Amino acid sequence: MNPKDQYLIKDIPETIQTKHTTIRRYRNGDGVPIYALAERKNNREHLKGIADDVAGLKSVEEAEVKARKHRAEWAKR
């Protein structure tokens, strides 16, 4: 077996949650909160240079497409 393949058979939880943080892969519908984050207060300016892909979102639909593409990329790993 290829040494990297050992990670494919390990059970990894769908969600890892702590008191302040939740880590999970993207889900359908995540475009709404992603876009809301970009729109909130002056976040676009703060996100420039750090998360340009989020700072440049023009619509909820564009954010949803981005989230679904990231979900597909995750599944490829």
C-alpha atoms as a PDB file:
ATOM      1  CA  MET A   1       0.000   0.000   0.000  1.00  0.00           C
ATOM      2  CA  ASN A   2       1.185   3.499  -0.813  1.00  0.00           C
ATOM      3  CA  PRO A   3       1.971   5.251   2.516  1.00  0.00           C
ATOM      4  CA  LYS A   4      -0.350   8.142   1.601  1.00  0.00           C
ATOM      5  CA  ASP A   5      -3.252   5.727   1.128  1.00  0.00           C
ATOM      6  CA  GLN A   6      -3.339   4.959   4.842  1.00  0.00           C
ATOM      7  CA  TYR A   7      -5.095   8.309   5.372  1.00  0.00           C
ATOM      8  CA  LEU A   8      -7.898   7.301   3.010  1.00  0.00           C
ATOM      9  CA  ILE A   9      -9.032   4.481   5.278  1.00  0.00           C
ATOM     10  CA  LYS A  10      -8.982   6.474   8.517  1.00  0.00           C
ATOM     11  CA  ASP A  11     -12.326   7.590   9.880  1.00  0.00           C
ATOM     12  CA  ILE A  12     -12.316  11.348  10.239  1.00  0.00           C
ATOM     13  CA  PRO A  13     -15.323  13.059  11.793  1.00  0.00           C
ATOM     14  CA  GLU A  14     -17.535  15.121   9.469  1.00  0.00           C
ATOM     15  CA  THR A  15     -17.352  18.013  11.929  1.00  0.00           C
ATOM     16  CA  ILE A  16     -14.773  19.050  14.503  1.00  0.00           C
ATOM     17  CA  GLN A  17     -16.175  21.477  17.021  1.00  0.00           C
ATOM     18  CA  THR A  18     -14.721  23.414  19.930  1.00  0.00           C
ATOM     19  CA  LYS A  19     -16.236  26.115  22.092  1.00  0.00           C
ATOM     20  CA  HIS A  20     -15.447  28.841  19.536  1.00  0.00           C
ATOM     21  CA  THR A  21     -14.748  27.044  16.270  1.00  0.00           C
ATOM     22  CA  THR A  22     -16.414  24.578  13.927  1.00  0.00           C
ATOM     23  CA  ILE A  23     -14.394  22.920  11.165  1.00  0.00           C
ATOM     24  CA  ARG A  24     -16.273  21.120   8.409  1.00  0.00           C
ATOM     25  CA  ARG A  25     -16.327  20.880   4.656  1.00  0.00           C
ATOM     26  CA  TYR A  26     -18.530  23.210   2.659  1.00  0.00           C
ATOM     27  CA  ARG A  27     -22.210  22.329   2.271  1.00  0.00           C
ATOM     28  CA  ASN A  28     -24.888  23.334  -0.194  1.00  0.00           C
ATOM     29  CA  GLY A  29     -26.315  26.611   1.040  1.00  0.00           C
ATOM     30  CA  ASP A  30     -23.038  27.944   2.446  1.00  0.00           C
ATOM     31  CA  GLY A  31     -23.016  30.715  -0.168  1.00  0.00           C
ATOM     32  CA  VAL A  32     -25.521  32.737   1.872  1.00  0.00           C
ATOM     33  CA  PRO A  33     -23.390  33.050   5.032  1.00  0.00           C
ATOM     34  CA  ILE A  34     -20.184  33.485   3.008  1.00  0.00           C
ATOM     35  CA  TYR A  35     -21.702  36.395   1.111  1.00  0.00           C
ATOM     36  CA  ALA A  36     -23.166  37.836   4.322  1.00  0.00           C
ATOM     37  CA  LEU A  37     -19.681  37.766   5.862  1.00  0.00           C
ATOM     38  CA  ALA A  38     -18.299  39.749   2.923  1.00  0.00           C
ATOM     39  CA  GLU A  39     -21.149  42.262   3.119  1.00  0.00           C
ATOM     40  CA  ARG A  40     -21.004  42.776   6.892  1.00  0.00           C
ATOM     41  CA  LYS A  41     -19.687  46.188   8.000  1.00  0.00           C
ATOM     42  CA  ASN A  42     -16.434  46.970   6.193  1.00  0.00           C
ATOM     43  CA  ASN A  43     -15.329  43.347   5.765  1.00  0.00           C
ATOM     44  CA  ARG A  44     -14.516  43.600   2.064  1.00  0.00           C
ATOM     45  CA  GLU A  45     -11.712  46.029   2.831  1.00  0.00           C
ATOM     46  CA  HIS A  46     -10.435  43.840   5.665  1.00  0.00           C
ATOM     47  CA  LEU A  47     -10.540  40.711   3.486  1.00  0.00           C
ATOM     48  CA  LYS A  48      -8.534  42.205   0.611  1.00  0.00           C
ATOM     49  CA  GLY A  49      -5.114  40.595   0.443  1.00  0.00           C
ATOM     50  CA  ILE A  50      -6.181  37.839   2.857  1.00  0.00           C
ATOM     51  CA  ALA A  51      -9.226  36.352   1.164  1.00  0.00           C
ATOM     52  CA  ASP A  52      -9.514  38.134  -2.175  1.00  0.00           C
ATOM     53  CA  ASP A  53     -11.869  35.477  -3.520  1.00  0.00           C
ATOM     54  CA  VAL A  54     -14.398  36.348  -0.778  1.00  0.00           C
ATOM     55  CA  ALA A  55     -13.754  40.091  -0.923  1.00  0.00           C
ATOM     56  CA  GLY A  56     -14.589  40.090  -4.635  1.00  0.00           C
ATOM     57  CA  LEU A  57     -17.914  38.231  -4.465  1.00  0.00           C
ATOM     58  CA  LYS A  58     -20.674  40.063  -6.322  1.00  0.00           C
ATOM     59  CA  SER A  59     -23.711  37.957  -5.397  1.00  0.00           C
ATOM     60  CA  VAL A  60     -25.030  35.154  -3.220  1.00  0.00           C
ATOM     61  CA  GLU A  61     -25.137  32.951  -6.316  1.00  0.00           C
ATOM     62  CA  GLU A  62     -21.445  33.559  -6.991  1.00  0.00           C
ATOM     63  CA  ALA A  63     -20.664  32.720  -3.357  1.00  0.00           C
ATOM     64  CA  GLU A  64     -22.709  29.507  -3.620  1.00  0.00           C
ATOM     65  CA  VAL A  65     -20.863  28.435  -6.771  1.00  0.00           C
ATOM     66  CA  LYS A  66     -17.544  29.073  -5.017  1.00  0.00           C
ATOM     67  CA  ALA A  67     -18.632  27.022  -1.982  1.00  0.00           C
ATOM     68  CA  ARG A  68     -19.752  24.117  -4.182  1.00  0.00           C
ATOM     69  CA  LYS A  69     -16.476  24.184  -6.117  1.00  0.00           C
ATOM     70  CA  HIS A  70     -14.551  24.062  -2.834  1.00  0.00           C
ATOM     71  CA  ARG A  71     -16.725  21.130  -1.726  1.00  0.00           C
ATOM     72  CA  ALA A  72     -15.855  19.282  -4.953  1.00  0.00           C
ATOM     73  CA  GLU A  73     -12.150  20.027  -4.482  1.00  0.00           C
ATOM     74  CA  TRP A  74     -12.344  18.642  -0.928  1.00  0.00           C
ATOM     75  CA  ALA A  75     -13.939  15.433  -2.222  1.00  0.00           C
ATOM     76  CA  LYS A  76     -11.102  14.949  -4.725  1.00  0.00           C
ATOM     77  CA  ARG A  77      -8.521  14.705  -1.940  1.00  0.00           C
END
